[in-house]
Protein backbone atom coordinates (compact mmCIF):
# COMPACT_ATOMS: atom_id res chain seq x y z
CA MET A 1 51.15 -43.20 -125.33
CA ASN A 2 53.78 -45.93 -125.95
CA ILE A 3 55.71 -46.84 -122.81
CA ASN A 4 58.84 -47.99 -124.62
CA ALA A 5 59.18 -44.79 -126.64
CA GLU A 6 58.76 -42.68 -123.46
CA LEU A 7 61.35 -44.77 -121.59
CA GLU A 8 63.87 -44.04 -124.33
CA ALA A 9 63.01 -40.37 -124.31
CA PHE A 10 63.52 -40.33 -120.52
CA CYS A 11 66.96 -41.97 -120.88
CA THR A 12 67.87 -39.36 -123.52
CA TYR A 13 66.77 -36.66 -121.06
CA LEU A 14 68.94 -38.21 -118.37
CA GLU A 15 71.92 -38.14 -120.72
CA THR A 16 71.50 -34.75 -122.34
CA VAL A 17 69.85 -32.58 -119.68
CA LYS A 18 70.75 -34.23 -116.40
CA ARG A 19 74.18 -35.31 -117.67
CA ALA A 20 73.87 -38.59 -115.79
CA SER A 21 76.68 -41.14 -116.03
CA GLN A 22 76.37 -44.08 -118.39
CA ASN A 23 76.10 -46.46 -115.42
CA THR A 24 73.21 -44.45 -114.02
CA ILE A 25 71.45 -44.41 -117.37
CA LEU A 26 71.97 -48.14 -117.80
CA SER A 27 70.52 -48.78 -114.33
CA TYR A 28 67.47 -46.64 -115.02
CA ARG A 29 66.96 -48.31 -118.40
CA ARG A 30 67.23 -51.79 -116.90
CA ASP A 31 64.87 -51.03 -114.00
CA LEU A 32 62.31 -49.30 -116.22
CA HIS A 33 62.32 -52.00 -118.87
CA GLN A 34 61.66 -54.60 -116.16
CA MET A 35 58.70 -52.51 -115.02
CA GLN A 36 57.55 -52.19 -118.62
CA GLU A 37 57.70 -55.97 -119.13
CA TYR A 38 55.59 -56.50 -116.02
CA LEU A 39 53.02 -53.90 -117.07
CA GLU A 40 52.75 -55.37 -120.57
CA LYS A 41 52.19 -58.84 -119.07
CA GLU A 42 49.36 -57.22 -117.17
CA GLY A 43 47.94 -55.81 -120.40
CA ILE A 44 49.10 -52.22 -119.85
CA TRP A 45 50.76 -50.89 -123.02
CA ASP A 46 49.71 -47.26 -122.69
CA LEU A 47 51.50 -44.98 -120.23
CA THR A 48 48.26 -43.19 -119.37
CA LYS A 49 46.76 -46.45 -118.13
CA VAL A 50 49.33 -47.01 -115.38
CA THR A 51 47.73 -46.58 -111.94
CA LYS A 52 48.82 -46.64 -108.31
CA THR A 53 47.22 -50.09 -108.10
CA SER A 54 49.26 -51.44 -110.99
CA LEU A 55 52.46 -50.06 -109.43
CA ASN A 56 51.57 -51.59 -106.07
CA SER A 57 51.00 -54.91 -107.81
CA TYR A 58 54.42 -54.54 -109.37
CA ILE A 59 56.00 -54.04 -105.92
CA LEU A 60 54.26 -57.19 -104.67
CA TYR A 61 55.53 -59.06 -107.74
CA LEU A 62 59.11 -57.98 -107.05
CA GLU A 63 58.78 -59.13 -103.42
CA GLN A 64 57.43 -62.50 -104.58
CA GLN A 65 60.41 -62.78 -106.92
CA GLY A 66 62.65 -62.54 -103.86
CA LYS A 67 64.19 -59.18 -104.77
CA ALA A 68 66.12 -57.55 -101.94
CA THR A 69 64.59 -54.54 -100.21
CA ALA A 70 67.42 -52.31 -101.50
CA THR A 71 66.82 -53.52 -105.05
CA ILE A 72 63.09 -52.84 -104.83
CA SER A 73 63.77 -49.36 -103.40
CA ARG A 74 66.13 -48.57 -106.29
CA MET A 75 63.62 -49.83 -108.86
CA LEU A 76 60.90 -47.70 -107.24
CA ALA A 77 63.16 -44.65 -107.33
CA SER A 78 63.69 -45.23 -111.04
CA GLY A 79 59.93 -45.49 -111.57
CA LYS A 80 59.21 -42.37 -109.52
CA ALA A 81 61.74 -40.37 -111.51
CA PHE A 82 60.26 -41.58 -114.77
CA PHE A 83 56.62 -40.84 -113.82
CA HIS A 84 57.60 -37.41 -112.42
CA TYR A 85 59.29 -36.63 -115.75
CA GLU A 86 56.20 -37.77 -117.70
CA PHE A 87 53.91 -35.67 -115.44
CA SER A 88 56.11 -32.59 -115.79
CA LYS A 89 56.01 -32.98 -119.58
CA GLY A 90 52.22 -33.15 -119.47
CA ASN A 91 52.15 -36.67 -120.92
CA ILE A 92 50.14 -37.96 -117.95
CA HIS A 93 47.59 -36.03 -115.92
CA GLN A 94 48.27 -37.83 -112.65
CA ASP A 95 51.51 -39.25 -111.28
CA PRO A 96 50.76 -42.87 -110.29
CA ALA A 97 54.07 -43.13 -108.37
CA GLU A 98 53.18 -40.32 -105.95
């Protein structure tokens, strides 16, 4: 399952169902695309291959990049919302962000 396509579907969901503001959608899109870039660098292109370990590695990566704690928390909240959405749609069988 292609991560990029699912990220765009999630952003559409935020806009049409959740009626999120454009700023909120832009923030989610930015945070999630950064996560996607990291995962792809790690060789993870398929949404079903994302694990708790890969997400923990991402957190460590963000810390090593000098990201502020508040920024990391926001990025994690974006990831949690995305994976919860994917789990609720049945696209993944386990939520790696839980």
